[in-house]
Amino acid sequence: MEAGSSGFLAMAPPMFDGENYQAGAVRMKAYLEGCDLWEAVEQDYDVAPLPDNPIMNQIKYHKERIMRKAKANSYMYAHL
């Protein structure tokens, strides 16, 4: 575990060992909810392309949505 800038200790995602899928799924859901990434999994939203001449808020929101989806997927796939 490593300390973040806020002093909060970040936990590693849970590893799935191939046994007791239900418990592993609950642990992964809890982990993703704690990281504020569960919405990206549960809603499985598509990220719309940016409009022509986007403003900074649109760029920031677009990038955040893409990154949240990518982080959630990487946590799930890397810890299967």
PDB file of N, CA and C in Angstrom:
ATOM      1  N   MET A   1       0.849  -1.176   0.000  1.00  0.00           N
ATOM      2  CA  MET A   1       0.000   0.000   0.000  1.00  0.00           C
ATOM      3  C   MET A   1       0.892   1.236   0.000  1.00  0.00           C
ATOM      4  N   GLU A   2       0.445   2.250  -0.685  1.00  0.00           N
ATOM      5  CA  GLU A   2       1.246   3.459  -0.729  1.00  0.00           C
ATOM      6  C   GLU A   2       0.382   4.646  -0.361  1.00  0.00           C
ATOM      7  N   ALA A   3       0.984   5.636   0.208  1.00  0.00           N
ATOM      8  CA  ALA A   3       0.242   6.815   0.643  1.00  0.00           C
ATOM      9  C   ALA A   3       0.009   7.738  -0.542  1.00  0.00           C
ATOM     10  N   GLY A   4      -1.214   8.214  -0.681  1.00  0.00           N
ATOM     11  CA  GLY A   4      -1.532   9.194  -1.704  1.00  0.00           C
ATOM     12  C   GLY A   4      -1.248  10.588  -1.193  1.00  0.00           C
ATOM     13  N   SER A   5      -1.486  11.578  -2.012  1.00  0.00           N
ATOM     14  CA  SER A   5      -1.206  12.954  -1.625  1.00  0.00           C
ATOM     15  C   SER A   5      -2.108  13.425  -0.492  1.00  0.00           C
ATOM     16  N   SER A   6      -3.261  12.767  -0.311  1.00  0.00           N
ATOM     17  CA  SER A   6      -4.175  13.161   0.749  1.00  0.00           C
ATOM     18  C   SER A   6      -3.876  12.444   2.057  1.00  0.00           C
ATOM     19  N   GLY A   7      -2.881  11.556   2.067  1.00  0.00           N
ATOM     20  CA  GLY A   7      -2.584  10.793   3.263  1.00  0.00           C
ATOM     21  C   GLY A   7      -3.396   9.512   3.351  1.00  0.00           C
ATOM     22  N   PHE A   8      -4.277   9.272   2.413  1.00  0.00           N
ATOM     23  CA  PHE A   8      -5.102   8.071   2.378  1.00  0.00           C
ATOM     24  C   PHE A   8      -4.279   6.920   1.822  1.00  0.00           C
ATOM     25  N   LEU A   9      -4.337   5.759   2.453  1.00  0.00           N
ATOM     26  CA  LEU A   9      -3.611   4.603   1.969  1.00  0.00           C
ATOM     27  C   LEU A   9      -4.428   3.903   0.893  1.00  0.00           C
ATOM     28  N   ALA A  10      -3.867   3.790  -0.296  1.00  0.00           N
ATOM     29  CA  ALA A  10      -4.546   3.150  -1.415  1.00  0.00           C
ATOM     30  C   ALA A  10      -4.332   1.643  -1.338  1.00  0.00           C
ATOM     31  N   MET A  11      -5.398   0.892  -1.479  1.00  0.00           N
ATOM     32  CA  MET A  11      -5.315  -0.565  -1.460  1.00  0.00           C
ATOM     33  C   MET A  11      -5.217  -1.083  -2.884  1.00  0.00           C
ATOM     34  N   ALA A  12      -4.532  -2.203  -3.044  1.00  0.00           N
ATOM     35  CA  ALA A  12      -4.446  -2.853  -4.349  1.00  0.00           C
ATOM     36  C   ALA A  12      -5.776  -3.531  -4.649  1.00  0.00           C
ATOM     37  N   PRO A  13      -6.134  -3.641  -5.919  1.00  0.00           N
ATOM     38  CA  PRO A  13      -7.371  -4.334  -6.272  1.00  0.00           C
ATOM     39  C   PRO A  13      -7.312  -5.790  -5.815  1.00  0.00           C
ATOM     40  N   PRO A  14      -8.454  -6.373  -5.457  1.00  0.00           N
ATOM     41  CA  PRO A  14      -8.468  -7.769  -5.013  1.00  0.00           C
ATOM     42  C   PRO A  14      -8.120  -8.713  -6.159  1.00  0.00           C
ATOM     43  N   MET A  15      -7.423  -9.784  -5.840  1.00  0.00           N
ATOM     44  CA  MET A  15      -7.063 -10.803  -6.832  1.00  0.00           C
ATOM     45  C   MET A  15      -8.112 -11.910  -6.805  1.00  0.00           C
ATOM     46  N   PHE A  16      -8.486 -12.398  -7.971  1.00  0.00           N
ATOM     47  CA  PHE A  16      -9.419 -13.520  -8.066  1.00  0.00           C
ATOM     48  C   PHE A  16      -8.605 -14.774  -8.282  1.00  0.00           C
ATOM     49  N   ASP A  17      -8.737 -15.738  -7.377  1.00  0.00           N
ATOM     50  CA  ASP A  17      -7.924 -16.953  -7.424  1.00  0.00           C
ATOM     51  C   ASP A  17      -8.608 -18.111  -8.138  1.00  0.00           C
ATOM     52  N   GLY A  18      -9.752 -17.868  -8.737  1.00  0.00           N
ATOM     53  CA  GLY A  18     -10.455 -18.921  -9.468  1.00  0.00           C
ATOM     54  C   GLY A  18     -11.476 -19.666  -8.633  1.00  0.00           C
ATOM     55  N   GLU A  19     -11.517 -19.378  -7.348  1.00  0.00           N
ATOM     56  CA  GLU A  19     -12.489 -20.032  -6.464  1.00  0.00           C
ATOM     57  C   GLU A  19     -13.424 -18.991  -5.875  1.00  0.00           C
ATOM     58  N   ASN A  20     -14.636 -19.406  -5.595  1.00  0.00           N
ATOM     59  CA  ASN A  20     -15.651 -18.563  -4.964  1.00  0.00           C
ATOM     60  C   ASN A  20     -15.857 -17.265  -5.748  1.00  0.00           C
ATOM     61  N   TYR A  21     -16.387 -17.418  -6.948  1.00  0.00           N
ATOM     62  CA  TYR A  21     -16.600 -16.280  -7.837  1.00  0.00           C
ATOM     63  C   TYR A  21     -17.462 -15.199  -7.190  1.00  0.00           C
ATOM     64  N   GLN A  22     -18.524 -15.603  -6.501  1.00  0.00           N
ATOM     65  CA  GLN A  22     -19.447 -14.621  -5.915  1.00  0.00           C
ATOM     66  C   GLN A  22     -18.714 -13.688  -4.944  1.00  0.00           C
ATOM     67  N   ALA A  23     -17.888 -14.240  -4.081  1.00  0.00           N
ATOM     68  CA  ALA A  23     -17.149 -13.408  -3.128  1.00  0.00           C
ATOM     69  C   ALA A  23     -16.156 -12.506  -3.868  1.00  0.00           C
ATOM     70  N   GLY A  24     -15.512 -13.033  -4.900  1.00  0.00           N
ATOM     71  CA  GLY A  24     -14.572 -12.227  -5.679  1.00  0.00           C
ATOM     72  C   GLY A  24     -15.271 -11.080  -6.389  1.00  0.00           C
ATOM     73  N   ALA A  25     -16.462 -11.345  -6.912  1.00  0.00           N
ATOM     74  CA  ALA A  25     -17.222 -10.300  -7.604  1.00  0.00           C
ATOM     75  C   ALA A  25     -17.636  -9.201  -6.628  1.00  0.00           C
ATOM     76  N   VAL A  26     -18.040  -9.587  -5.431  1.00  0.00           N
ATOM     77  CA  VAL A  26     -18.430  -8.601  -4.414  1.00  0.00           C
ATOM     78  C   VAL A  26     -17.231  -7.753  -4.008  1.00  0.00           C
ATOM     79  N   ARG A  27     -16.074  -8.385  -3.830  1.00  0.00           N
ATOM     80  CA  ARG A  27     -14.865  -7.638  -3.464  1.00  0.00           C
ATOM     81  C   ARG A  27     -14.465  -6.662  -4.575  1.00  0.00           C
ATOM     82  N   MET A  28     -14.530  -7.099  -5.831  1.00  0.00           N
ATOM     83  CA  MET A  28     -14.148  -6.217  -6.944  1.00  0.00           C
ATOM     84  C   MET A  28     -15.133  -5.058  -7.063  1.00  0.00           C
ATOM     85  N   LYS A  29     -16.421  -5.331  -6.895  1.00  0.00           N
ATOM     86  CA  LYS A  29     -17.413  -4.252  -6.964  1.00  0.00           C
ATOM     87  C   LYS A  29     -17.156  -3.230  -5.864  1.00  0.00           C
ATOM     88  N   ALA A  30     -16.890  -3.707  -4.654  1.00  0.00           N
ATOM     89  CA  ALA A  30     -16.622  -2.800  -3.530  1.00  0.00           C
ATOM     90  C   ALA A  30     -15.367  -1.970  -3.804  1.00  0.00           C
ATOM     91  N   TYR A  31     -14.346  -2.604  -4.362  1.00  0.00           N
ATOM     92  CA  TYR A  31     -13.113  -1.882  -4.678  1.00  0.00           C
ATOM     93  C   TYR A  31     -13.381  -0.796  -5.721  1.00  0.00           C
ATOM     94  N   LEU A  32     -14.093  -1.140  -6.793  1.00  0.00           N
ATOM     95  CA  LEU A  32     -14.369  -0.167  -7.849  1.00  0.00           C
ATOM     96  C   LEU A  32     -15.272   0.957  -7.362  1.00  0.00           C
ATOM     97  N   GLU A  33     -16.217   0.636  -6.472  1.00  0.00           N
ATOM     98  CA  GLU A  33     -17.054   1.689  -5.891  1.00  0.00           C
ATOM     99  C   GLU A  33     -16.204   2.635  -5.053  1.00  0.00           C
ATOM    100  N   GLY A  34     -15.266   2.084  -4.301  1.00  0.00           N
ATOM    101  CA  GLY A  34     -14.378   2.909  -3.483  1.00  0.00           C
ATOM    102  C   GLY A  34     -13.484   3.809  -4.311  1.00  0.00           C
ATOM    103  N   CYS A  35     -13.156   3.371  -5.510  1.00  0.00           N
ATOM    104  CA  CYS A  35     -12.335   4.177  -6.429  1.00  0.00           C
ATOM    105  C   CYS A  35     -13.193   5.083  -7.309  1.00  0.00           C
ATOM    106  N   ASP A  36     -14.503   5.063  -7.106  1.00  0.00           N
ATOM    107  CA  ASP A  36     -15.461   5.841  -7.903  1.00  0.00           C
ATOM    108  C   ASP A  36     -15.407   5.454  -9.380  1.00  0.00           C
ATOM    109  N   LEU A  37     -15.281   4.134  -9.628  1.00  0.00           N
ATOM    110  CA  LEU A  37     -15.215   3.633 -10.999  1.00  0.00           C
ATOM    111  C   LEU A  37     -16.359   2.689 -11.343  1.00  0.00           C
ATOM    112  N   TRP A  38     -17.201   2.353 -10.378  1.00  0.00           N
ATOM    113  CA  TRP A  38     -18.243   1.361 -10.622  1.00  0.00           C
ATOM    114  C   TRP A  38     -19.243   1.829 -11.675  1.00  0.00           C
ATOM    115  N   GLU A  39     -19.518   3.116 -11.745  1.00  0.00           N
ATOM    116  CA  GLU A  39     -20.462   3.651 -12.735  1.00  0.00           C
ATOM    117  C   GLU A  39     -20.037   3.286 -14.156  1.00  0.00           C
ATOM    118  N   ALA A  40     -18.740   3.315 -14.414  1.00  0.00           N
ATOM    119  CA  ALA A  40     -18.234   2.993 -15.749  1.00  0.00           C
ATOM    120  C   ALA A  40     -18.515   1.548 -16.115  1.00  0.00           C
ATOM    121  N   VAL A  41     -18.569   0.669 -15.136  1.00  0.00           N
ATOM    122  CA  VAL A  41     -18.846  -0.747 -15.375  1.00  0.00           C
ATOM    123  C   VAL A  41     -20.348  -0.987 -15.439  1.00  0.00           C
ATOM    124  N   GLU A  42     -21.059  -0.479 -14.459  1.00  0.00           N
ATOM    125  CA  GLU A  42     -22.491  -0.752 -14.340  1.00  0.00           C
ATOM    126  C   GLU A  42     -23.294  -0.166 -15.499  1.00  0.00           C
ATOM    127  N   GLN A  43     -22.993   1.051 -15.876  1.00  0.00           N
ATOM    128  CA  GLN A  43     -23.770   1.707 -16.924  1.00  0.00           C
ATOM    129  C   GLN A  43     -23.242   1.403 -18.318  1.00  0.00           C
ATOM    130  N   ASP A  44     -22.004   0.959 -18.433  1.00  0.00           N
ATOM    131  CA  ASP A  44     -21.379   0.640 -19.719  1.00  0.00           C
ATOM    132  C   ASP A  44     -21.710   1.705 -20.770  1.00  0.00           C
ATOM    133  N   TYR A  45     -21.450   2.941 -20.411  1.00  0.00           N
ATOM    134  CA  TYR A  45     -21.749   4.069 -21.299  1.00  0.00           C
ATOM    135  C   TYR A  45     -20.739   4.171 -22.431  1.00  0.00           C
ATOM    136  N   ASP A  46     -21.178   4.749 -23.530  1.00  0.00           N
ATOM    137  CA  ASP A  46     -20.283   5.068 -24.640  1.00  0.00           C
ATOM    138  C   ASP A  46     -19.876   6.526 -24.500  1.00  0.00           C
ATOM    139  N   VAL A  47     -18.637   6.810 -24.781  1.00  0.00           N
ATOM    140  CA  VAL A  47     -18.144   8.183 -24.705  1.00  0.00           C
ATOM    141  C   VAL A  47     -18.320   8.815 -26.076  1.00  0.00           C
ATOM    142  N   ALA A  48     -19.150   9.851 -26.127  1.00  0.00           N
ATOM    143  CA  ALA A  48     -19.423  10.543 -27.389  1.00  0.00           C
ATOM    144  C   ALA A  48     -18.187  11.337 -27.817  1.00  0.00           C
ATOM    145  N   PRO A  49     -17.977  11.452 -29.123  1.00  0.00           N
ATOM    146  CA  PRO A  49     -16.828  12.240 -29.581  1.00  0.00           C
ATOM    147  C   PRO A  49     -16.999  13.717 -29.230  1.00  0.00           C
ATOM    148  N   LEU A  50     -15.880  14.397 -29.131  1.00  0.00           N
ATOM    149  CA  LEU A  50     -15.923  15.832 -28.837  1.00  0.00           C
ATOM    150  C   LEU A  50     -16.513  16.597 -30.020  1.00  0.00           C
ATOM    151  N   PRO A  51     -17.260  17.669 -29.743  1.00  0.00           N
ATOM    152  CA  PRO A  51     -17.774  18.504 -30.838  1.00  0.00           C
ATOM    153  C   PRO A  51     -16.639  19.344 -31.431  1.00  0.00           C
ATOM    154  N   ASP A  52     -16.911  19.979 -32.544  1.00  0.00           N
ATOM    155  CA  ASP A  52     -15.935  20.895 -33.133  1.00  0.00           C
ATOM    156  C   ASP A  52     -15.722  22.062 -32.173  1.00  0.00           C
ATOM    157  N   ASN A  53     -14.495  22.493 -32.035  1.00  0.00           N
ATOM    158  CA  ASN A  53     -14.125  23.609 -31.162  1.00  0.00           C
ATOM    159  C   ASN A  53     -14.660  23.440 -29.735  1.00  0.00           C
ATOM    160  N   PRO A  54     -14.276  22.359 -29.064  1.00  0.00           N
ATOM    161  CA  PRO A  54     -14.786  22.137 -27.700  1.00  0.00           C
ATOM    162  C   PRO A  54     -14.177  23.136 -26.716  1.00  0.00           C
ATOM    163  N   ILE A  55     -14.936  23.421 -25.675  1.00  0.00           N
ATOM    164  CA  ILE A  55     -14.413  24.276 -24.611  1.00  0.00           C
ATOM    165  C   ILE A  55     -13.644  23.392 -23.628  1.00  0.00           C
ATOM    166  N   MET A  56     -12.886  24.003 -22.746  1.00  0.00           N
ATOM    167  CA  MET A  56     -12.028  23.258 -21.826  1.00  0.00           C
ATOM    168  C   MET A  56     -12.822  22.284 -20.948  1.00  0.00           C
ATOM    169  N   ASN A  57     -13.994  22.683 -20.486  1.00  0.00           N
ATOM    170  CA  ASN A  57     -14.806  21.793 -19.644  1.00  0.00           C
ATOM    171  C   ASN A  57     -15.235  20.544 -20.407  1.00  0.00           C
ATOM    172  N   GLN A  58     -15.571  20.700 -21.690  1.00  0.00           N
ATOM    173  CA  GLN A  58     -15.949  19.548 -22.500  1.00  0.00           C
ATOM    174  C   GLN A  58     -14.768  18.606 -22.700  1.00  0.00           C
ATOM    175  N   ILE A  59     -13.594  19.150 -22.913  1.00  0.00           N
ATOM    176  CA  ILE A  59     -12.389  18.332 -23.088  1.00  0.00           C
ATOM    177  C   ILE A  59     -12.084  17.577 -21.798  1.00  0.00           C
ATOM    178  N   LYS A  60     -12.141  18.271 -20.683  1.00  0.00           N
ATOM    179  CA  LYS A  60     -11.861  17.658 -19.378  1.00  0.00           C
ATOM    180  C   LYS A  60     -12.862  16.539 -19.076  1.00  0.00           C
ATOM    181  N   TYR A  61     -14.147  16.795 -19.290  1.00  0.00           N
ATOM    182  CA  TYR A  61     -15.191  15.799 -19.029  1.00  0.00           C
ATOM    183  C   TYR A  61     -15.011  14.583 -19.942  1.00  0.00           C
ATOM    184  N   HIS A  62     -14.710  14.816 -21.203  1.00  0.00           N
ATOM    185  CA  HIS A  62     -14.506  13.744 -22.174  1.00  0.00           C
ATOM    186  C   HIS A  62     -13.332  12.860 -21.751  1.00  0.00           C
ATOM    187  N   LYS A  63     -12.237  13.490 -21.400  1.00  0.00           N
ATOM    188  CA  LYS A  63     -11.049  12.744 -20.979  1.00  0.00           C
ATOM    189  C   LYS A  63     -11.322  11.953 -19.699  1.00  0.00           C
ATOM    190  N   GLU A  64     -12.026  12.557 -18.755  1.00  0.00           N
ATOM    191  CA  GLU A  64     -12.359  11.887 -17.487  1.00  0.00           C
ATOM    192  C   GLU A  64     -13.206  10.649 -17.739  1.00  0.00           C
ATOM    193  N   ARG A  65     -14.189  10.753 -18.602  1.00  0.00           N
ATOM    194  CA  ARG A  65     -15.068   9.604 -18.894  1.00  0.00           C
ATOM    195  C   ARG A  65     -14.281   8.466 -19.543  1.00  0.00           C
ATOM    196  N   ILE A  66     -13.382   8.797 -20.458  1.00  0.00           N
ATOM    197  CA  ILE A  66     -12.562   7.778 -21.109  1.00  0.00           C
ATOM    198  C   ILE A  66     -11.633   7.112 -20.094  1.00  0.00           C
ATOM    199  N   MET A  67     -11.000   7.916 -19.248  1.00  0.00           N
ATOM    200  CA  MET A  67     -10.057   7.386 -18.265  1.00  0.00           C
ATOM    201  C   MET A  67     -10.751   6.516 -17.221  1.00  0.00           C
ATOM    202  N   ARG A  68     -11.941   6.906 -16.782  1.00  0.00           N
ATOM    203  CA  ARG A  68     -12.658   6.099 -15.792  1.00  0.00           C
ATOM    204  C   ARG A  68     -12.984   4.728 -16.355  1.00  0.00           C
ATOM    205  N   LYS A  69     -13.404   4.690 -17.596  1.00  0.00           N
ATOM    206  CA  LYS A  69     -13.712   3.414 -18.245  1.00  0.00           C
ATOM    207  C   LYS A  69     -12.456   2.561 -18.388  1.00  0.00           C
ATOM    208  N   ALA A  70     -11.368   3.182 -18.808  1.00  0.00           N
ATOM    209  CA  ALA A  70     -10.118   2.450 -18.998  1.00  0.00           C
ATOM    210  C   ALA A  70      -9.564   1.933 -17.676  1.00  0.00           C
ATOM    211  N   LYS A  71      -9.618   2.736 -16.630  1.00  0.00           N
ATOM    212  CA  LYS A  71      -9.140   2.301 -15.319  1.00  0.00           C
ATOM    213  C   LYS A  71      -9.955   1.133 -14.794  1.00  0.00           C
ATOM    214  N   ALA A  72     -11.267   1.232 -14.883  1.00  0.00           N
ATOM    215  CA  ALA A  72     -12.125   0.151 -14.390  1.00  0.00           C
ATOM    216  C   ALA A  72     -11.828  -1.142 -15.141  1.00  0.00           C
ATOM    217  N   ASN A  73     -11.722  -1.060 -16.457  1.00  0.00           N
ATOM    218  CA  ASN A  73     -11.419  -2.258 -17.250  1.00  0.00           C
ATOM    219  C   ASN A  73     -10.052  -2.828 -16.903  1.00  0.00           C
ATOM    220  N   SER A  74      -9.059  -1.978 -16.753  1.00  0.00           N
ATOM    221  CA  SER A  74      -7.718  -2.489 -16.459  1.00  0.00           C
ATOM    222  C   SER A  74      -7.664  -3.148 -15.094  1.00  0.00           C
ATOM    223  N   TYR A  75      -8.346  -2.598 -14.101  1.00  0.00           N
ATOM    224  CA  TYR A  75      -8.376  -3.221 -12.771  1.00  0.00           C
ATOM    225  C   TYR A  75      -9.023  -4.601 -12.848  1.00  0.00           C
ATOM    226  N   MET A  76     -10.105  -4.697 -13.575  1.00  0.00           N
ATOM    227  CA  MET A  76     -10.807  -5.987 -13.651  1.00  0.00           C
ATOM    228  C   MET A  76      -9.997  -7.016 -14.421  1.00  0.00           C
ATOM    229  N   TYR A  77      -9.444  -6.641 -15.556  1.00  0.00           N
ATOM    230  CA  TYR A  77      -8.714  -7.603 -16.373  1.00  0.00           C
ATOM    231  C   TYR A  77      -7.366  -8.006 -15.765  1.00  0.00           C
ATOM    232  N   ALA A  78      -6.701  -7.068 -15.132  1.00  0.00           N
ATOM    233  CA  ALA A  78      -5.376  -7.360 -14.557  1.00  0.00           C
ATOM    234  C   ALA A  78      -5.457  -8.237 -13.319  1.00  0.00           C
ATOM    235  N   HIS A  79      -6.599  -8.280 -12.663  1.00  0.00           N
ATOM    236  CA  HIS A  79      -6.698  -8.993 -11.396  1.00  0.00           C
ATOM    237  C   HIS A  79      -7.657 -10.157 -11.448  1.00  0.00           C
ATOM    238  N   LEU A  80      -7.802 -10.729 -12.629  1.00  0.00           N
ATOM    239  CA  LEU A  80      -8.624 -11.929 -12.760  1.00  0.00           C
ATOM    240  C   LEU A  80      -7.856 -13.135 -12.311  1.00  0.00           C
TER     241      LEU A  80
END
